[in-house]
Amino acid sequence: RTISGISRLHGKPRKQALALRLEDLDRMVGFLDEKGDAISFRNRALLLVGFFGALRRSELISLKWEDVQFVTDGMIVTLPRSKTDQMGEGTRCVIPFGNESRCPVRALIDWRQASHPSGGLIFRRISKTGTISEKGISPRHWNRILRQLAKDIGLPNPEQFSSHSLRRGFATEASRLGASMPSIQRHGRWRSTKTVLEYIEAGRQFADSAVNVLFKS
């Protein structure tokens, strides 16, 4: 009861990462395409695989080439262990080919061709001279990459973006474009429908505002 009372008196609104919109994802990808170096190939794949796979940060940065199977219609990513897979049995994430500008499958293939891997971690550190390390990027490094990209393309409040922005963005944008709630929840591997609804409602707070009716009168 004491802790609850302190929370009511001194509590602050919970900070949540901003959802990444498709139009802003496209701008980030376009920015990276113009640079065309190894880091840009890696970051492009990070963005697109993370967004369209609705991957958690831990899932994305720990991915290995052995976890990815390229097939005729896209790729199948096996997540060895995730937040909702405590027994470590593995969860499959199916990602189809997309259009040319925002295709996560082609982006990963491009990164593979640029990095010439023999296996192991997919998303590795790259030195300023372009040397690709055997070590993977860290969680903080991935957040810094995304925030810098948000800053580079001129998004407001770039510091409010994080790796979770991709999962939130997937849910809100998929819903906005007509995907069903069960399909969104299944693809994102969310246990709770409530969590998905919160993401979708947050993403539609301006579109669903009653104020819009007054502007049309």
C-alpha atoms as a PDB file:
ATOM      1  CA  ARG A   1       0.000   0.000   0.000  1.00  0.00           C
ATOM      2  CA  THR A   2       2.906   2.344   0.766  1.00  0.00           C
ATOM      3  CA  ILE A   3       4.492   1.791  -2.659  1.00  0.00           C
ATOM      4  CA  SER A   4       1.105   2.250  -4.315  1.00  0.00           C
ATOM      5  CA  GLY A   5       0.623   5.544  -2.468  1.00  0.00           C
ATOM      6  CA  ILE A   6       4.051   6.795  -3.494  1.00  0.00           C
ATOM      7  CA  SER A   7       3.291   5.895  -7.136  1.00  0.00           C
ATOM      8  CA  ARG A   8       0.041   7.878  -7.054  1.00  0.00           C
ATOM      9  CA  LEU A   9       1.810  10.883  -5.555  1.00  0.00           C
ATOM     10  CA  HIS A  10       5.007  10.877  -7.589  1.00  0.00           C
ATOM     11  CA  GLY A  11       4.154   8.671 -10.549  1.00  0.00           C
ATOM     12  CA  LYS A  12       5.066   9.755 -14.073  1.00  0.00           C
ATOM     13  CA  PRO A  13       3.508   8.765 -17.414  1.00  0.00           C
ATOM     14  CA  ARG A  14       5.134   5.642 -18.805  1.00  0.00           C
ATOM     15  CA  LYS A  15       7.517   6.487 -21.637  1.00  0.00           C
ATOM     16  CA  GLN A  16       6.852   4.514 -24.798  1.00  0.00           C
ATOM     17  CA  ALA A  17       8.848   4.354 -27.994  1.00  0.00           C
ATOM     18  CA  LEU A  18       7.291   6.127 -30.961  1.00  0.00           C
ATOM     19  CA  ALA A  19       5.896   3.818 -33.630  1.00  0.00           C
ATOM     20  CA  LEU A  20       7.823   3.941 -36.899  1.00  0.00           C
ATOM     21  CA  ARG A  21       5.496   4.758 -39.789  1.00  0.00           C
ATOM     22  CA  LEU A  22       5.883   3.143 -43.198  1.00  0.00           C
ATOM     23  CA  GLU A  23       6.511   6.487 -44.877  1.00  0.00           C
ATOM     24  CA  ASP A  24       9.349   7.187 -42.443  1.00  0.00           C
ATOM     25  CA  LEU A  25      10.730   3.675 -42.893  1.00  0.00           C
ATOM     26  CA  ASP A  26      10.820   4.346 -46.649  1.00  0.00           C
ATOM     27  CA  ARG A  27      12.673   7.607 -46.067  1.00  0.00           C
ATOM     28  CA  MET A  28      15.264   5.855 -43.896  1.00  0.00           C
ATOM     29  CA  VAL A  29      15.767   3.154 -46.520  1.00  0.00           C
ATOM     30  CA  GLY A  30      16.108   5.781 -49.249  1.00  0.00           C
ATOM     31  CA  PHE A  31      18.703   7.633 -47.171  1.00  0.00           C
ATOM     32  CA  LEU A  32      20.732   4.430 -46.749  1.00  0.00           C
ATOM     33  CA  ASP A  33      20.426   3.542 -50.438  1.00  0.00           C
ATOM     34  CA  GLU A  34      22.105   6.817 -51.358  1.00  0.00           C
ATOM     35  CA  LYS A  35      25.143   5.993 -49.209  1.00  0.00           C
ATOM     36  CA  GLY A  36      25.599   2.425 -50.483  1.00  0.00           C
ATOM     37  CA  ASP A  37      28.433   1.352 -48.155  1.00  0.00           C
ATOM     38  CA  ALA A  38      28.688  -1.796 -46.030  1.00  0.00           C
ATOM     39  CA  ILE A  39      27.243  -0.128 -42.935  1.00  0.00           C
ATOM     40  CA  SER A  40      24.260   1.072 -44.968  1.00  0.00           C
ATOM     41  CA  PHE A  41      23.624  -2.424 -46.351  1.00  0.00           C
ATOM     42  CA  ARG A  42      23.678  -3.783 -42.804  1.00  0.00           C
ATOM     43  CA  ASN A  43      21.457  -1.053 -41.378  1.00  0.00           C
ATOM     44  CA  ARG A  44      18.985  -1.398 -44.246  1.00  0.00           C
ATOM     45  CA  ALA A  45      18.640  -5.100 -43.524  1.00  0.00           C
ATOM     46  CA  LEU A  46      18.335  -4.392 -39.789  1.00  0.00           C
ATOM     47  CA  LEU A  47      15.490  -1.964 -40.408  1.00  0.00           C
ATOM     48  CA  LEU A  48      13.498  -4.028 -42.871  1.00  0.00           C
ATOM     49  CA  VAL A  49      13.930  -7.432 -41.229  1.00  0.00           C
ATOM     50  CA  GLY A  50      13.195  -5.936 -37.814  1.00  0.00           C
ATOM     51  CA  PHE A  51      10.095  -4.093 -39.023  1.00  0.00           C
ATOM     52  CA  PHE A  52       8.488  -6.735 -41.238  1.00  0.00           C
ATOM     53  CA  GLY A  53       9.471  -9.553 -38.908  1.00  0.00           C
ATOM     54  CA  ALA A  54       8.091  -7.581 -35.930  1.00  0.00           C
ATOM     55  CA  LEU A  55      11.193  -8.785 -34.117  1.00  0.00           C
ATOM     56  CA  ARG A  56      12.133  -7.913 -30.583  1.00  0.00           C
ATOM     57  CA  ARG A  57      15.538  -6.323 -30.165  1.00  0.00           C
ATOM     58  CA  SER A  58      17.015  -9.438 -28.574  1.00  0.00           C
ATOM     59  CA  GLU A  59      15.666 -11.596 -31.398  1.00  0.00           C
ATOM     60  CA  LEU A  60      17.015  -9.348 -34.129  1.00  0.00           C
ATOM     61  CA  ILE A  61      20.564  -8.799 -32.918  1.00  0.00           C
ATOM     62  CA  SER A  62      21.053 -12.469 -32.004  1.00  0.00           C
ATOM     63  CA  LEU A  63      19.965 -13.792 -35.409  1.00  0.00           C
ATOM     64  CA  LYS A  64      22.403 -16.146 -37.119  1.00  0.00           C
ATOM     65  CA  TRP A  65      22.619 -17.071 -40.778  1.00  0.00           C
ATOM     66  CA  GLU A  66      21.820 -20.636 -39.753  1.00  0.00           C
ATOM     67  CA  ASP A  67      18.426 -19.368 -38.505  1.00  0.00           C
ATOM     68  CA  VAL A  68      17.377 -18.105 -41.951  1.00  0.00           C
ATOM     69  CA  GLN A  69      16.049 -20.253 -44.780  1.00  0.00           C
ATOM     70  CA  PHE A  70      15.530 -18.558 -48.136  1.00  0.00           C
ATOM     71  CA  VAL A  71      12.649 -20.115 -50.082  1.00  0.00           C
ATOM     72  CA  THR A  72      10.751 -19.368 -53.305  1.00  0.00           C
ATOM     73  CA  ASP A  73       8.246 -16.994 -51.681  1.00  0.00           C
ATOM     74  CA  GLY A  74      10.561 -15.258 -49.223  1.00  0.00           C
ATOM     75  CA  MET A  75      12.336 -16.485 -46.107  1.00  0.00           C
ATOM     76  CA  ILE A  76      11.620 -18.406 -42.939  1.00  0.00           C
ATOM     77  CA  VAL A  77      13.348 -17.155 -39.806  1.00  0.00           C
ATOM     78  CA  THR A  78      13.623 -19.536 -36.872  1.00  0.00           C
ATOM     79  CA  LEU A  79      13.854 -17.733 -33.557  1.00  0.00           C
ATOM     80  CA  PRO A  80      15.683 -20.152 -31.231  1.00  0.00           C
ATOM     81  CA  ARG A  81      14.364 -18.576 -28.060  1.00  0.00           C
ATOM     82  CA  SER A  82      12.030 -15.652 -27.531  1.00  0.00           C
ATOM     83  CA  LYS A  83      10.054 -13.926 -24.791  1.00  0.00           C
ATOM     84  CA  THR A  84       7.060 -16.162 -25.473  1.00  0.00           C
ATOM     85  CA  ASP A  85       9.106 -19.341 -25.996  1.00  0.00           C
ATOM     86  CA  GLN A  86      10.549 -20.038 -22.567  1.00  0.00           C
ATOM     87  CA  MET A  87      11.106 -23.732 -23.347  1.00  0.00           C
ATOM     88  CA  GLY A  88      13.446 -22.809 -26.188  1.00  0.00           C
ATOM     89  CA  GLU A  89      11.600 -24.888 -28.780  1.00  0.00           C
ATOM     90  CA  GLY A  90      11.940 -22.212 -31.463  1.00  0.00           C
ATOM     91  CA  THR A  91       9.379 -20.076 -33.253  1.00  0.00           C
ATOM     92  CA  ARG A  92       9.078 -19.588 -37.007  1.00  0.00           C
ATOM     93  CA  CYS A  93       8.622 -16.151 -38.524  1.00  0.00           C
ATOM     94  CA  VAL A  94       7.590 -16.193 -42.180  1.00  0.00           C
ATOM     95  CA  ILE A  95       8.523 -13.094 -44.204  1.00  0.00           C
ATOM     96  CA  PRO A  96       7.460 -12.935 -47.870  1.00  0.00           C
ATOM     97  CA  PHE A  97       9.148 -10.970 -50.642  1.00  0.00           C
ATOM     98  CA  GLY A  98       8.038  -7.338 -50.717  1.00  0.00           C
ATOM     99  CA  ASN A  99       8.199  -4.585 -53.274  1.00  0.00           C
ATOM    100  CA  GLU A 100      11.620  -3.529 -54.484  1.00  0.00           C
ATOM    101  CA  SER A 101      12.064  -0.520 -52.194  1.00  0.00           C
ATOM    102  CA  ARG A 102      11.005  -2.141 -48.915  1.00  0.00           C
ATOM    103  CA  CYS A 103      11.749  -5.844 -49.312  1.00  0.00           C
ATOM    104  CA  PRO A 104      13.332  -7.371 -46.202  1.00  0.00           C
ATOM    105  CA  VAL A 105      14.291 -10.559 -48.047  1.00  0.00           C
ATOM    106  CA  ARG A 106      16.271  -8.779 -50.766  1.00  0.00           C
ATOM    107  CA  ALA A 107      17.799  -6.455 -48.165  1.00  0.00           C
ATOM    108  CA  LEU A 108      19.147  -9.441 -46.243  1.00  0.00           C
ATOM    109  CA  ILE A 109      20.437 -11.058 -49.434  1.00  0.00           C
ATOM    110  CA  ASP A 110      22.185  -7.794 -50.330  1.00  0.00           C
ATOM    111  CA  TRP A 111      23.818  -7.695 -46.896  1.00  0.00           C
ATOM    112  CA  ARG A 112      24.937 -11.298 -47.266  1.00  0.00           C
ATOM    113  CA  GLN A 113      26.580 -10.491 -50.600  1.00  0.00           C
ATOM    114  CA  ALA A 114      28.254  -7.410 -49.136  1.00  0.00           C
ATOM    115  CA  SER A 115      29.553  -9.143 -45.996  1.00  0.00           C
ATOM    116  CA  HIS A 116      30.532 -12.572 -47.401  1.00  0.00           C
ATOM    117  CA  PRO A 117      29.703 -14.453 -44.185  1.00  0.00           C
ATOM    118  CA  SER A 118      30.672 -18.022 -43.415  1.00  0.00           C
ATOM    119  CA  GLY A 119      27.944 -18.337 -40.802  1.00  0.00           C
ATOM    120  CA  GLY A 120      27.342 -17.012 -37.320  1.00  0.00           C
ATOM    121  CA  LEU A 121      25.793 -13.709 -36.329  1.00  0.00           C
ATOM    122  CA  ILE A 122      24.088 -11.772 -39.109  1.00  0.00           C
ATOM    123  CA  PHE A 123      24.299  -8.227 -37.786  1.00  0.00           C
ATOM    124  CA  ARG A 124      27.911  -7.548 -36.828  1.00  0.00           C
ATOM    125  CA  ARG A 125      29.894  -4.506 -35.862  1.00  0.00           C
ATOM    126  CA  ILE A 126      31.713  -2.628 -38.617  1.00  0.00           C
ATOM    127  CA  SER A 127      34.749  -0.440 -38.013  1.00  0.00           C
ATOM    128  CA  LYS A 128      35.201   3.036 -39.477  1.00  0.00           C
ATOM    129  CA  THR A 129      37.507   1.509 -42.079  1.00  0.00           C
ATOM    130  CA  GLY A 130      34.827  -0.977 -43.155  1.00  0.00           C
ATOM    131  CA  THR A 131      36.199  -4.067 -41.407  1.00  0.00           C
ATOM    132  CA  ILE A 132      33.411  -6.432 -40.367  1.00  0.00           C
ATOM    133  CA  SER A 133      33.910  -7.851 -36.875  1.00  0.00           C
ATOM    134  CA  GLU A 134      32.988 -11.293 -35.615  1.00  0.00           C
ATOM    135  CA  LYS A 135      31.109  -9.597 -32.773  1.00  0.00           C
ATOM    136  CA  GLY A 136      27.460  -8.656 -33.103  1.00  0.00           C
ATOM    137  CA  ILE A 137      26.031  -5.210 -32.491  1.00  0.00           C
ATOM    138  CA  SER A 138      24.846  -4.508 -28.965  1.00  0.00           C
ATOM    139  CA  PRO A 139      21.305  -3.527 -27.912  1.00  0.00           C
ATOM    140  CA  ARG A 140      22.435   0.051 -27.222  1.00  0.00           C
ATOM    141  CA  HIS A 141      24.218   0.220 -30.566  1.00  0.00           C
ATOM    142  CA  TRP A 142      21.038  -0.756 -32.400  1.00  0.00           C
ATOM    143  CA  ASN A 143      19.046   1.928 -30.576  1.00  0.00           C
ATOM    144  CA  ARG A 144      21.697   4.514 -31.467  1.00  0.00           C
ATOM    145  CA  ILE A 145      21.554   3.481 -35.125  1.00  0.00           C
ATOM    146  CA  LEU A 146      17.791   3.955 -35.275  1.00  0.00           C
ATOM    147  CA  ARG A 147      17.838   7.285 -33.455  1.00  0.00           C
ATOM    148  CA  GLN A 148      20.573   8.585 -35.731  1.00  0.00           C
ATOM    149  CA  LEU A 149      18.563   7.571 -38.796  1.00  0.00           C
ATOM    150  CA  ALA A 150      15.502   9.336 -37.389  1.00  0.00           C
ATOM    151  CA  LYS A 151      17.658  12.431 -36.910  1.00  0.00           C
ATOM    152  CA  ASP A 152      19.223  12.131 -40.374  1.00  0.00           C
ATOM    153  CA  ILE A 153      15.856  12.221 -42.145  1.00  0.00           C
ATOM    154  CA  GLY A 154      14.567  15.034 -39.940  1.00  0.00           C
ATOM    155  CA  LEU A 155      11.976  13.266 -37.791  1.00  0.00           C
ATOM    156  CA  PRO A 156      10.847  15.214 -34.714  1.00  0.00           C
ATOM    157  CA  ASN A 157      11.942  13.840 -31.331  1.00  0.00           C
ATOM    158  CA  PRO A 158      14.437  11.282 -32.700  1.00  0.00           C
ATOM    159  CA  GLU A 159      15.453  10.399 -29.138  1.00  0.00           C
ATOM    160  CA  GLN A 160      12.014   8.827 -28.625  1.00  0.00           C
ATOM    161  CA  PHE A 161      12.690   6.110 -31.181  1.00  0.00           C
ATOM    162  CA  SER A 162      14.107   2.748 -30.167  1.00  0.00           C
ATOM    163  CA  SER A 163      14.212  -0.796 -31.459  1.00  0.00           C
ATOM    164  CA  HIS A 164      10.686  -1.261 -30.088  1.00  0.00           C
ATOM    165  CA  SER A 165       9.494   1.384 -32.557  1.00  0.00           C
ATOM    166  CA  LEU A 166       9.650  -1.269 -35.272  1.00  0.00           C
ATOM    167  CA  ARG A 167       7.315  -3.699 -33.489  1.00  0.00           C
ATOM    168  CA  ARG A 168       4.891  -0.926 -32.623  1.00  0.00           C
ATOM    169  CA  GLY A 169       5.121   0.395 -36.145  1.00  0.00           C
ATOM    170  CA  PHE A 170       4.382  -3.002 -37.651  1.00  0.00           C
ATOM    171  CA  ALA A 171       1.227  -3.411 -35.556  1.00  0.00           C
ATOM    172  CA  THR A 172      -0.128   0.080 -36.189  1.00  0.00           C
ATOM    173  CA  GLU A 173       0.651   0.189 -39.899  1.00  0.00           C
ATOM    174  CA  ALA A 174      -0.606  -3.351 -40.597  1.00  0.00           C
ATOM    175  CA  SER A 175      -3.867  -2.513 -38.856  1.00  0.00           C
ATOM    176  CA  ARG A 176      -4.195   0.795 -40.682  1.00  0.00           C
ATOM    177  CA  LEU A 177      -3.859  -0.992 -44.022  1.00  0.00           C
ATOM    178  CA  GLY A 178      -6.464  -3.632 -43.210  1.00  0.00           C
ATOM    179  CA  ALA A 179      -4.671  -6.617 -41.640  1.00  0.00           C
ATOM    180  CA  SER A 180      -6.813  -8.515 -39.152  1.00  0.00           C
ATOM    181  CA  MET A 181      -6.101  -8.502 -35.435  1.00  0.00           C
ATOM    182  CA  PRO A 182      -5.432 -12.289 -35.289  1.00  0.00           C
ATOM    183  CA  SER A 183      -2.960 -12.106 -38.185  1.00  0.00           C
ATOM    184  CA  ILE A 184      -1.089  -9.194 -36.587  1.00  0.00           C
ATOM    185  CA  GLN A 185      -0.960 -10.924 -33.205  1.00  0.00           C
ATOM    186  CA  ARG A 186       0.161 -14.205 -34.752  1.00  0.00           C
ATOM    187  CA  HIS A 187       2.914 -12.673 -36.867  1.00  0.00           C
ATOM    188  CA  GLY A 188       4.233 -10.538 -33.991  1.00  0.00           C
ATOM    189  CA  ARG A 189       4.024 -13.493 -31.594  1.00  0.00           C
ATOM    190  CA  TRP A 190       2.140 -11.446 -29.006  1.00  0.00           C
ATOM    191  CA  ARG A 191       0.460 -13.430 -26.264  1.00  0.00           C
ATOM    192  CA  SER A 192      -1.793 -10.582 -25.229  1.00  0.00           C
ATOM    193  CA  THR A 193      -4.435  -9.114 -27.535  1.00  0.00           C
ATOM    194  CA  LYS A 194      -4.577  -6.156 -25.148  1.00  0.00           C
ATOM    195  CA  THR A 195      -0.981  -5.218 -25.969  1.00  0.00           C
ATOM    196  CA  VAL A 196      -1.663  -5.245 -29.717  1.00  0.00           C
ATOM    197  CA  LEU A 197      -4.807  -3.162 -29.233  1.00  0.00           C
ATOM    198  CA  GLU A 198      -2.847  -0.586 -27.238  1.00  0.00           C
ATOM    199  CA  TYR A 199      -0.335  -0.248 -30.066  1.00  0.00           C
ATOM    200  CA  ILE A 200      -3.042   0.077 -32.704  1.00  0.00           C
ATOM    201  CA  GLU A 201      -5.105   2.573 -30.726  1.00  0.00           C
ATOM    202  CA  ALA A 202      -2.002   4.692 -30.035  1.00  0.00           C
ATOM    203  CA  GLY A 203      -1.192   4.686 -33.731  1.00  0.00           C
ATOM    204  CA  ARG A 204      -4.720   5.789 -34.656  1.00  0.00           C
ATOM    205  CA  GLN A 205      -5.199   8.424 -31.956  1.00  0.00           C
ATOM    206  CA  PHE A 206      -5.182  11.293 -34.451  1.00  0.00           C
ATOM    207  CA  ALA A 207      -7.171   9.556 -37.214  1.00  0.00           C
ATOM    208  CA  ASP A 208      -9.868   8.436 -34.753  1.00  0.00           C
ATOM    209  CA  SER A 209     -10.100  11.732 -32.872  1.00  0.00           C
ATOM    210  CA  ALA A 210     -13.610  13.171 -32.602  1.00  0.00           C
ATOM    211  CA  VAL A 211     -12.074  16.568 -33.364  1.00  0.00           C
ATOM    212  CA  ASN A 212     -11.786  15.574 -37.052  1.00  0.00           C
ATOM    213  CA  VAL A 213     -15.586  15.780 -37.406  1.00  0.00           C
ATOM    214  CA  LEU A 214     -15.499  19.440 -36.382  1.00  0.00           C
ATOM    215  CA  PHE A 215     -12.926  20.277 -39.024  1.00  0.00           C
ATOM    216  CA  LYS A 216     -15.208  18.897 -41.750  1.00  0.00           C
ATOM    217  CA  SER A 217     -18.276  20.909 -40.733  1.00  0.00           C
END
